[in-house]
């Protein structure tokens, strides 16, 4: 699933919902007429049961959609804040003497590239390292061992240490968000719930072409809702993803190597 593009994921969900819906009509239609609608139409009772079921299932999907969007927005906000932290720290380091300033700014530039490669790897099969970043560790060590000679250098050192620790926290937050946050048990409920909903729709007694149209429309709508939840739940996947543009912009515009 992670190797699919947004269009391929949308197509996959559409087919996965539409095919069982239409197949269910063809398979269950004779049995429904014989067992449920034998004496008189039970469409009203099926409609009442379906409405109650749809309300509960709709609440579940709505809550999951809101949760997935909030998590997605939170990751997007963390990426923007990380870019701001990188830009601010890079400029703050101008207050330190050479050659330390050059080493720290070079290390920070390397970490910005590492952050992009970690979360937005070109190879979808590669998994990001979940350990501590050696580059951030090196920045921290160099700042800790630096002996400031002026009050200004002391302030820059303190602010630099604070911002490096902020980068460490942001890195951990982004690593923890990779792979999605909705538990597998909830996905199990969503899948089974969608299947039951479509099967209940197959029990109606109506003209075949109308049944196909009605079931197909509801199946495609369900597919769209579940698709958007799935693609937002993995902000670094191949669907609707958080982009590295804020960090890349800092790299290209602010962190250009001298000379």
C-alpha atoms as a PDB file:
ATOM      1  CA  UNK A   1       0.000   0.000   0.000  1.00  0.00           C
ATOM      2  CA  UNK A   2       2.867   2.385   0.817  1.00  0.00           C
ATOM      3  CA  UNK A   3       4.273   1.941  -2.709  1.00  0.00           C
ATOM      4  CA  UNK A   4       1.088   3.216  -4.385  1.00  0.00           C
ATOM      5  CA  UNK A   5       0.590   6.755  -5.640  1.00  0.00           C
ATOM      6  CA  UNK A   6      -2.407   8.842  -4.583  1.00  0.00           C
ATOM      7  CA  UNK A   7      -4.310   7.932  -7.752  1.00  0.00           C
ATOM      8  CA  UNK A   8      -3.473   4.241  -7.392  1.00  0.00           C
ATOM      9  CA  UNK A   9      -4.610   4.248  -3.759  1.00  0.00           C
ATOM     10  CA  UNK A  10      -7.890   5.946  -4.695  1.00  0.00           C
ATOM     11  CA  UNK A  11      -8.428   3.410  -7.473  1.00  0.00           C
ATOM     12  CA  UNK A  12      -7.614   0.526  -5.139  1.00  0.00           C
ATOM     13  CA  UNK A  13     -10.157   1.630  -2.524  1.00  0.00           C
ATOM     14  CA  UNK A  14     -12.812   2.281  -5.171  1.00  0.00           C
ATOM     15  CA  UNK A  15     -12.467  -1.195  -6.653  1.00  0.00           C
ATOM     16  CA  UNK A  16     -12.199  -2.819  -3.202  1.00  0.00           C
ATOM     17  CA  UNK A  17     -15.557  -1.314  -2.196  1.00  0.00           C
ATOM     18  CA  UNK A  18     -17.391  -1.361  -5.507  1.00  0.00           C
ATOM     19  CA  UNK A  19     -16.661  -4.978  -6.474  1.00  0.00           C
ATOM     20  CA  UNK A  20     -18.091  -6.590  -3.284  1.00  0.00           C
ATOM     21  CA  UNK A  21     -21.080  -4.257  -3.468  1.00  0.00           C
ATOM     22  CA  UNK A  22     -22.109  -5.338  -6.975  1.00  0.00           C
ATOM     23  CA  UNK A  23     -21.100  -8.958  -6.431  1.00  0.00           C
ATOM     24  CA  UNK A  24     -23.202  -9.020  -3.268  1.00  0.00           C
ATOM     25  CA  UNK A  25     -26.278  -7.922  -5.225  1.00  0.00           C
ATOM     26  CA  UNK A  26     -25.908 -10.756  -7.719  1.00  0.00           C
ATOM     27  CA  UNK A  27     -25.269 -13.391  -5.042  1.00  0.00           C
ATOM     28  CA  UNK A  28     -27.732 -12.303  -2.345  1.00  0.00           C
ATOM     29  CA  UNK A  29     -30.607 -11.029  -4.504  1.00  0.00           C
ATOM     30  CA  UNK A  30     -32.280 -14.471  -5.027  1.00  0.00           C
ATOM     31  CA  UNK A  31     -31.952 -15.425  -1.357  1.00  0.00           C
ATOM     32  CA  UNK A  32     -33.181 -12.046  -0.120  1.00  0.00           C
ATOM     33  CA  UNK A  33     -36.331 -12.295  -2.250  1.00  0.00           C
ATOM     34  CA  UNK A  34     -36.982 -15.841  -1.044  1.00  0.00           C
ATOM     35  CA  UNK A  35     -36.269 -15.422   2.673  1.00  0.00           C
ATOM     36  CA  UNK A  36     -36.929 -11.739   3.428  1.00  0.00           C
ATOM     37  CA  UNK A  37     -39.374 -10.493   0.808  1.00  0.00           C
ATOM     38  CA  UNK A  38     -41.318 -13.741   0.285  1.00  0.00           C
ATOM     39  CA  UNK A  39     -44.702 -12.518   1.551  1.00  0.00           C
ATOM     40  CA  UNK A  40     -44.330  -8.742   1.455  1.00  0.00           C
ATOM     41  CA  UNK A  41     -41.565  -6.226   0.923  1.00  0.00           C
ATOM     42  CA  UNK A  42     -39.330  -5.685   3.932  1.00  0.00           C
ATOM     43  CA  UNK A  43     -37.606  -2.638   2.457  1.00  0.00           C
ATOM     44  CA  UNK A  44     -38.933  -0.384   5.234  1.00  0.00           C
ATOM     45  CA  UNK A  45     -37.494  -2.550   8.000  1.00  0.00           C
ATOM     46  CA  UNK A  46     -34.175  -2.933   6.169  1.00  0.00           C
ATOM     47  CA  UNK A  47     -34.064   0.832   5.655  1.00  0.00           C
ATOM     48  CA  UNK A  48     -34.726   1.463   9.361  1.00  0.00           C
ATOM     49  CA  UNK A  49     -31.969  -0.956  10.416  1.00  0.00           C
ATOM     50  CA  UNK A  50     -29.594   0.476   7.830  1.00  0.00           C
ATOM     51  CA  UNK A  51     -30.230   4.048   8.989  1.00  0.00           C
ATOM     52  CA  UNK A  52     -29.428   3.134  12.609  1.00  0.00           C
ATOM     53  CA  UNK A  53     -26.326   1.267  11.546  1.00  0.00           C
ATOM     54  CA  UNK A  54     -25.203   4.078   9.229  1.00  0.00           C
ATOM     55  CA  UNK A  55     -25.456   6.588  12.080  1.00  0.00           C
ATOM     56  CA  UNK A  56     -23.129   4.605  14.329  1.00  0.00           C
ATOM     57  CA  UNK A  57     -20.726   3.784  11.523  1.00  0.00           C
ATOM     58  CA  UNK A  58     -20.757   7.379  10.292  1.00  0.00           C
ATOM     59  CA  UNK A  59     -19.797   8.629  13.765  1.00  0.00           C
ATOM     60  CA  UNK A  60     -16.855   6.213  13.805  1.00  0.00           C
ATOM     61  CA  UNK A  61     -15.638   7.330  10.365  1.00  0.00           C
ATOM     62  CA  UNK A  62     -16.118  10.989  11.275  1.00  0.00           C
ATOM     63  CA  UNK A  63     -14.061  10.664  14.456  1.00  0.00           C
ATOM     64  CA  UNK A  64     -11.302   8.799  12.618  1.00  0.00           C
ATOM     65  CA  UNK A  65     -11.246  11.395   9.834  1.00  0.00           C
ATOM     66  CA  UNK A  66     -10.923  14.245  12.335  1.00  0.00           C
ATOM     67  CA  UNK A  67      -8.201  12.396  14.247  1.00  0.00           C
ATOM     68  CA  UNK A  68      -6.259  11.608  11.061  1.00  0.00           C
ATOM     69  CA  UNK A  69      -6.476  15.217   9.869  1.00  0.00           C
ATOM     70  CA  UNK A  70      -5.397  16.611  13.231  1.00  0.00           C
ATOM     71  CA  UNK A  71      -2.395  14.281  13.333  1.00  0.00           C
ATOM     72  CA  UNK A  72      -1.523  15.218   9.742  1.00  0.00           C
ATOM     73  CA  UNK A  73      -1.776  18.940  10.532  1.00  0.00           C
ATOM     74  CA  UNK A  74       0.331  18.444  13.670  1.00  0.00           C
ATOM     75  CA  UNK A  75       3.107  16.773  11.662  1.00  0.00           C
ATOM     76  CA  UNK A  76       2.939  19.528   9.056  1.00  0.00           C
ATOM     77  CA  UNK A  77       3.232  22.123  11.829  1.00  0.00           C
ATOM     78  CA  UNK A  78       6.226  20.292  13.345  1.00  0.00           C
ATOM     79  CA  UNK A  79       8.009  20.303   9.971  1.00  0.00           C
ATOM     80  CA  UNK A  80       7.434  24.059   9.641  1.00  0.00           C
ATOM     81  CA  UNK A  81       8.685  24.642  13.192  1.00  0.00           C
ATOM     82  CA  UNK A  82      11.745  22.490  12.508  1.00  0.00           C
ATOM     83  CA  UNK A  83      12.551  24.600   9.451  1.00  0.00           C
ATOM     84  CA  UNK A  84      12.166  27.767  11.551  1.00  0.00           C
ATOM     85  CA  UNK A  85      14.433  26.334  14.266  1.00  0.00           C
ATOM     86  CA  UNK A  86      17.075  25.429  11.671  1.00  0.00           C
ATOM     87  CA  UNK A  87      16.978  28.908  10.116  1.00  0.00           C
ATOM     88  CA  UNK A  88      17.118  30.726  13.454  1.00  0.00           C
ATOM     89  CA  UNK A  89      19.943  28.581  14.846  1.00  0.00           C
ATOM     90  CA  UNK A  90      21.955  28.955  11.642  1.00  0.00           C
ATOM     91  CA  UNK A  91      21.783  32.737  11.934  1.00  0.00           C
ATOM     92  CA  UNK A  92      22.430  32.722  15.692  1.00  0.00           C
ATOM     93  CA  UNK A  93      25.691  30.864  15.112  1.00  0.00           C
ATOM     94  CA  UNK A  94      27.049  33.982  13.354  1.00  0.00           C
ATOM     95  CA  UNK A  95      27.750  35.259  16.868  1.00  0.00           C
ATOM     96  CA  UNK A  96      30.434  32.627  17.457  1.00  0.00           C
ATOM     97  CA  UNK A  97      34.080  32.919  16.383  1.00  0.00           C
ATOM     98  CA  UNK A  98      35.694  31.014  13.539  1.00  0.00           C
ATOM     99  CA  UNK A  99      36.502  28.193  12.960  1.00  0.00           C
ATOM    100  CA  UNK A 100      33.820  26.954  15.373  1.00  0.00           C
ATOM    101  CA  UNK A 101      31.098  28.913  13.592  1.00  0.00           C
ATOM    102  CA  UNK A 102      31.929  27.319  10.236  1.00  0.00           C
ATOM    103  CA  UNK A 103      31.980  23.816  11.707  1.00  0.00           C
ATOM    104  CA  UNK A 104      28.657  24.291  13.484  1.00  0.00           C
ATOM    105  CA  UNK A 105      26.918  25.839  10.493  1.00  0.00           C
ATOM    106  CA  UNK A 106      28.293  23.104   8.238  1.00  0.00           C
ATOM    107  CA  UNK A 107      27.048  20.440  10.646  1.00  0.00           C
ATOM    108  CA  UNK A 108      23.650  22.092  10.829  1.00  0.00           C
ATOM    109  CA  UNK A 109      23.485  22.186   7.028  1.00  0.00           C
ATOM    110  CA  UNK A 110      24.317  18.478   6.921  1.00  0.00           C
ATOM    111  CA  UNK A 111      21.610  17.723   9.480  1.00  0.00           C
ATOM    112  CA  UNK A 112      19.009  19.620   7.426  1.00  0.00           C
ATOM    113  CA  UNK A 113      19.858  17.371   4.465  1.00  0.00           C
ATOM    114  CA  UNK A 114      19.721  14.340   6.760  1.00  0.00           C
ATOM    115  CA  UNK A 115      16.248  15.354   7.968  1.00  0.00           C
ATOM    116  CA  UNK A 116      14.963  15.479   4.399  1.00  0.00           C
ATOM    117  CA  UNK A 117      16.551  12.136   3.516  1.00  0.00           C
ATOM    118  CA  UNK A 118      15.262  10.501   6.703  1.00  0.00           C
ATOM    119  CA  UNK A 119      11.581  11.358   6.398  1.00  0.00           C
ATOM    120  CA  UNK A 120      11.274  11.691   2.630  1.00  0.00           C
ATOM    121  CA  UNK A 121      13.562   8.920   1.400  1.00  0.00           C
ATOM    122  CA  UNK A 122      13.543   8.413  -2.364  1.00  0.00           C
ATOM    123  CA  UNK A 123      13.353   4.663  -1.790  1.00  0.00           C
ATOM    124  CA  UNK A 124       9.916   3.930  -0.332  1.00  0.00           C
ATOM    125  CA  UNK A 125      11.131   0.561   0.961  1.00  0.00           C
ATOM    126  CA  UNK A 126      13.899   2.086   3.054  1.00  0.00           C
ATOM    127  CA  UNK A 127      13.090   2.670   6.688  1.00  0.00           C
ATOM    128  CA  UNK A 128      14.336   5.792   8.486  1.00  0.00           C
ATOM    129  CA  UNK A 129      16.809   5.392  11.327  1.00  0.00           C
ATOM    130  CA  UNK A 130      15.007   5.713  14.640  1.00  0.00           C
ATOM    131  CA  UNK A 131      18.168   6.309  16.654  1.00  0.00           C
ATOM    132  CA  UNK A 132      19.730   9.579  17.719  1.00  0.00           C
ATOM    133  CA  UNK A 133      21.271  11.722  14.999  1.00  0.00           C
ATOM    134  CA  UNK A 134      25.108  11.731  15.160  1.00  0.00           C
ATOM    135  CA  UNK A 135      25.119  15.219  13.618  1.00  0.00           C
ATOM    136  CA  UNK A 136      22.880  16.657  16.336  1.00  0.00           C
ATOM    137  CA  UNK A 137      24.984  14.881  18.959  1.00  0.00           C
ATOM    138  CA  UNK A 138      28.119  16.457  17.465  1.00  0.00           C
ATOM    139  CA  UNK A 139      26.519  19.936  17.460  1.00  0.00           C
ATOM    140  CA  UNK A 140      25.553  19.495  21.089  1.00  0.00           C
ATOM    141  CA  UNK A 141      29.040  18.334  22.099  1.00  0.00           C
ATOM    142  CA  UNK A 142      30.776  21.222  20.322  1.00  0.00           C
ATOM    143  CA  UNK A 143      28.519  23.785  21.964  1.00  0.00           C
ATOM    144  CA  UNK A 144      28.986  22.206  25.388  1.00  0.00           C
ATOM    145  CA  UNK A 145      32.789  22.223  25.137  1.00  0.00           C
ATOM    146  CA  UNK A 146      32.991  25.798  23.819  1.00  0.00           C
ATOM    147  CA  UNK A 147      34.364  28.307  26.330  1.00  0.00           C
ATOM    148  CA  UNK A 148      32.755  31.730  25.642  1.00  0.00           C
ATOM    149  CA  UNK A 149      34.965  34.788  26.129  1.00  0.00           C
ATOM    150  CA  UNK A 150      32.273  37.472  25.947  1.00  0.00           C
ATOM    151  CA  UNK A 151      28.751  37.898  27.249  1.00  0.00           C
ATOM    152  CA  UNK A 152      27.459  37.778  23.682  1.00  0.00           C
ATOM    153  CA  UNK A 153      29.134  34.435  22.997  1.00  0.00           C
ATOM    154  CA  UNK A 154      27.702  33.099  26.259  1.00  0.00           C
ATOM    155  CA  UNK A 155      24.190  34.063  25.174  1.00  0.00           C
ATOM    156  CA  UNK A 156      24.678  32.501  21.740  1.00  0.00           C
ATOM    157  CA  UNK A 157      25.935  29.287  23.347  1.00  0.00           C
ATOM    158  CA  UNK A 158      22.918  29.054  25.670  1.00  0.00           C
ATOM    159  CA  UNK A 159      20.466  29.777  22.878  1.00  0.00           C
ATOM    160  CA  UNK A 160      22.246  27.326  20.581  1.00  0.00           C
ATOM    161  CA  UNK A 161      21.992  24.532  23.149  1.00  0.00           C
ATOM    162  CA  UNK A 162      18.285  25.225  23.596  1.00  0.00           C
ATOM    163  CA  UNK A 163      17.597  25.134  19.879  1.00  0.00           C
ATOM    164  CA  UNK A 164      19.610  21.939  19.293  1.00  0.00           C
ATOM    165  CA  UNK A 165      17.558  20.251  22.013  1.00  0.00           C
ATOM    166  CA  UNK A 166      14.431  21.544  20.271  1.00  0.00           C
ATOM    167  CA  UNK A 167      15.634  19.925  17.025  1.00  0.00           C
ATOM    168  CA  UNK A 168      16.134  16.632  18.879  1.00  0.00           C
ATOM    169  CA  UNK A 169      12.556  16.778  20.195  1.00  0.00           C
ATOM    170  CA  UNK A 170      11.161  17.628  16.751  1.00  0.00           C
ATOM    171  CA  UNK A 171      13.109  14.759  15.169  1.00  0.00           C
ATOM    172  CA  UNK A 172      11.676  12.292  17.677  1.00  0.00           C
ATOM    173  CA  UNK A 173       8.163  13.619  17.103  1.00  0.00           C
ATOM    174  CA  UNK A 174       8.429  13.170  13.330  1.00  0.00           C
ATOM    175  CA  UNK A 175       9.942   9.692  13.628  1.00  0.00           C
ATOM    176  CA  UNK A 176       7.122   8.647  15.967  1.00  0.00           C
ATOM    177  CA  UNK A 177       4.499   9.874  13.484  1.00  0.00           C
ATOM    178  CA  UNK A 178       5.832   7.780  10.578  1.00  0.00           C
ATOM    179  CA  UNK A 179       3.701   4.767   9.716  1.00  0.00           C
ATOM    180  CA  UNK A 180       0.354   6.043  10.978  1.00  0.00           C
ATOM    181  CA  UNK A 181      -1.316   6.401  14.354  1.00  0.00           C
ATOM    182  CA  UNK A 182      -4.663   4.609  13.967  1.00  0.00           C
ATOM    183  CA  UNK A 183      -4.434   1.163  15.659  1.00  0.00           C
ATOM    184  CA  UNK A 184      -4.886  -1.974  13.602  1.00  0.00           C
ATOM    185  CA  UNK A 185      -7.929  -2.970  15.665  1.00  0.00           C
ATOM    186  CA  UNK A 186      -9.735   0.180  14.536  1.00  0.00           C
ATOM    187  CA  UNK A 187      -8.902  -0.557  10.887  1.00  0.00           C
ATOM    188  CA  UNK A 188     -10.371  -4.023  11.447  1.00  0.00           C
ATOM    189  CA  UNK A 189     -13.624  -2.438  12.683  1.00  0.00           C
ATOM    190  CA  UNK A 190     -13.677  -0.009   9.735  1.00  0.00           C
ATOM    191  CA  UNK A 191     -13.221  -2.802   7.188  1.00  0.00           C
ATOM    192  CA  UNK A 192     -15.803  -5.132   8.718  1.00  0.00           C
ATOM    193  CA  UNK A 193     -18.199  -2.260   9.242  1.00  0.00           C
ATOM    194  CA  UNK A 194     -17.993  -1.245   5.587  1.00  0.00           C
ATOM    195  CA  UNK A 195     -18.570  -4.835   4.481  1.00  0.00           C
ATOM    196  CA  UNK A 196     -21.656  -5.199   6.694  1.00  0.00           C
ATOM    197  CA  UNK A 197     -23.018  -1.869   5.463  1.00  0.00           C
ATOM    198  CA  UNK A 198     -22.695  -2.914   1.834  1.00  0.00           C
ATOM    199  CA  UNK A 199     -24.229  -6.328   2.536  1.00  0.00           C
ATOM    200  CA  UNK A 200     -27.250  -4.705   4.192  1.00  0.00           C
ATOM    201  CA  UNK A 201     -27.648  -2.563   1.084  1.00  0.00           C
ATOM    202  CA  UNK A 202     -27.744  -5.755  -0.991  1.00  0.00           C
ATOM    203  CA  UNK A 203     -30.864  -6.950   0.872  1.00  0.00           C
ATOM    204  CA  UNK A 204     -33.172  -4.307  -0.621  1.00  0.00           C
ATOM    205  CA  UNK A 205     -35.747  -5.433  -3.167  1.00  0.00           C
ATOM    206  CA  UNK A 206     -35.747  -3.137  -6.219  1.00  0.00           C
ATOM    207  CA  UNK A 207     -35.043  -3.140  -9.924  1.00  0.00           C
ATOM    208  CA  UNK A 208     -31.609  -4.491 -10.711  1.00  0.00           C
ATOM    209  CA  UNK A 209     -30.253  -1.411 -12.479  1.00  0.00           C
ATOM    210  CA  UNK A 210     -31.450   0.869  -9.655  1.00  0.00           C
ATOM    211  CA  UNK A 211     -29.893  -1.448  -7.102  1.00  0.00           C
ATOM    212  CA  UNK A 212     -26.542  -1.333  -8.919  1.00  0.00           C
ATOM    213  CA  UNK A 213     -26.596   2.469  -9.117  1.00  0.00           C
ATOM    214  CA  UNK A 214     -27.592   2.952  -5.465  1.00  0.00           C
ATOM    215  CA  UNK A 215     -25.094   0.442  -4.089  1.00  0.00           C
ATOM    216  CA  UNK A 216     -22.354   1.695  -6.382  1.00  0.00           C
ATOM    217  CA  UNK A 217     -22.794   5.320  -5.328  1.00  0.00           C
ATOM    218  CA  UNK A 218     -22.703   4.470  -1.619  1.00  0.00           C
ATOM    219  CA  UNK A 219     -19.740   2.122  -2.112  1.00  0.00           C
ATOM    220  CA  UNK A 220     -17.733   4.820  -3.891  1.00  0.00           C
ATOM    221  CA  UNK A 221     -18.552   7.357  -1.192  1.00  0.00           C
ATOM    222  CA  UNK A 222     -17.450   4.945   1.546  1.00  0.00           C
ATOM    223  CA  UNK A 223     -14.294   4.235  -0.439  1.00  0.00           C
ATOM    224  CA  UNK A 224     -13.520   7.962  -0.635  1.00  0.00           C
ATOM    225  CA  UNK A 225     -13.956   8.460   3.121  1.00  0.00           C
ATOM    226  CA  UNK A 226     -11.816   5.454   4.077  1.00  0.00           C
ATOM    227  CA  UNK A 227      -9.226   6.446   1.460  1.00  0.00           C
ATOM    228  CA  UNK A 228      -8.805   9.945   2.884  1.00  0.00           C
ATOM    229  CA  UNK A 229      -8.480   8.545   6.416  1.00  0.00           C
ATOM    230  CA  UNK A 230      -5.851   6.026   5.294  1.00  0.00           C
ATOM    231  CA  UNK A 231      -3.797   8.504   3.303  1.00  0.00           C
ATOM    232  CA  UNK A 232      -3.837  11.208   6.001  1.00  0.00           C
ATOM    233  CA  UNK A 233      -2.925   8.659   8.667  1.00  0.00           C
ATOM    234  CA  UNK A 234       0.545   8.168   7.136  1.00  0.00           C
ATOM    235  CA  UNK A 235       1.963  11.685   6.604  1.00  0.00           C
ATOM    236  CA  UNK A 236       5.200  10.346   5.056  1.00  0.00           C
ATOM    237  CA  UNK A 237       3.572   7.733   2.798  1.00  0.00           C
ATOM    238  CA  UNK A 238       2.736   7.937  -0.900  1.00  0.00           C
ATOM    239  CA  UNK A 239      -0.730   9.456  -0.636  1.00  0.00           C
ATOM    240  CA  UNK A 240      -1.489  12.940   0.670  1.00  0.00           C
ATOM    241  CA  UNK A 241       1.859  13.668   2.323  1.00  0.00           C
ATOM    242  CA  UNK A 242       3.590  16.346   4.323  1.00  0.00           C
ATOM    243  CA  UNK A 243       6.238  17.895   2.088  1.00  0.00           C
ATOM    244  CA  UNK A 244       9.847  18.809   2.984  1.00  0.00           C
ATOM    245  CA  UNK A 245       9.420  22.195   1.272  1.00  0.00           C
ATOM    246  CA  UNK A 246       9.936  24.333   4.445  1.00  0.00           C
ATOM    247  CA  UNK A 247      13.232  22.598   5.285  1.00  0.00           C
ATOM    248  CA  UNK A 248      14.341  22.474   1.646  1.00  0.00           C
ATOM    249  CA  UNK A 249      13.621  26.193   1.324  1.00  0.00           C
ATOM    250  CA  UNK A 250      15.875  26.941   4.304  1.00  0.00           C
ATOM    251  CA  UNK A 251      18.604  24.773   2.764  1.00  0.00           C
ATOM    252  CA  UNK A 252      18.419  26.437  -0.629  1.00  0.00           C
ATOM    253  CA  UNK A 253      18.003  30.058   0.463  1.00  0.00           C
ATOM    254  CA  UNK A 254      19.772  30.416   3.807  1.00  0.00           C
ATOM    255  CA  UNK A 255      22.252  27.581   4.240  1.00  0.00           C
ATOM    256  CA  UNK A 256      24.234  27.988   1.026  1.00  0.00           C
ATOM    257  CA  UNK A 257      27.906  27.108   1.600  1.00  0.00           C
ATOM    258  CA  UNK A 258      30.191  30.118   1.495  1.00  0.00           C
ATOM    259  CA  UNK A 259      32.230  30.474  -1.657  1.00  0.00           C
END
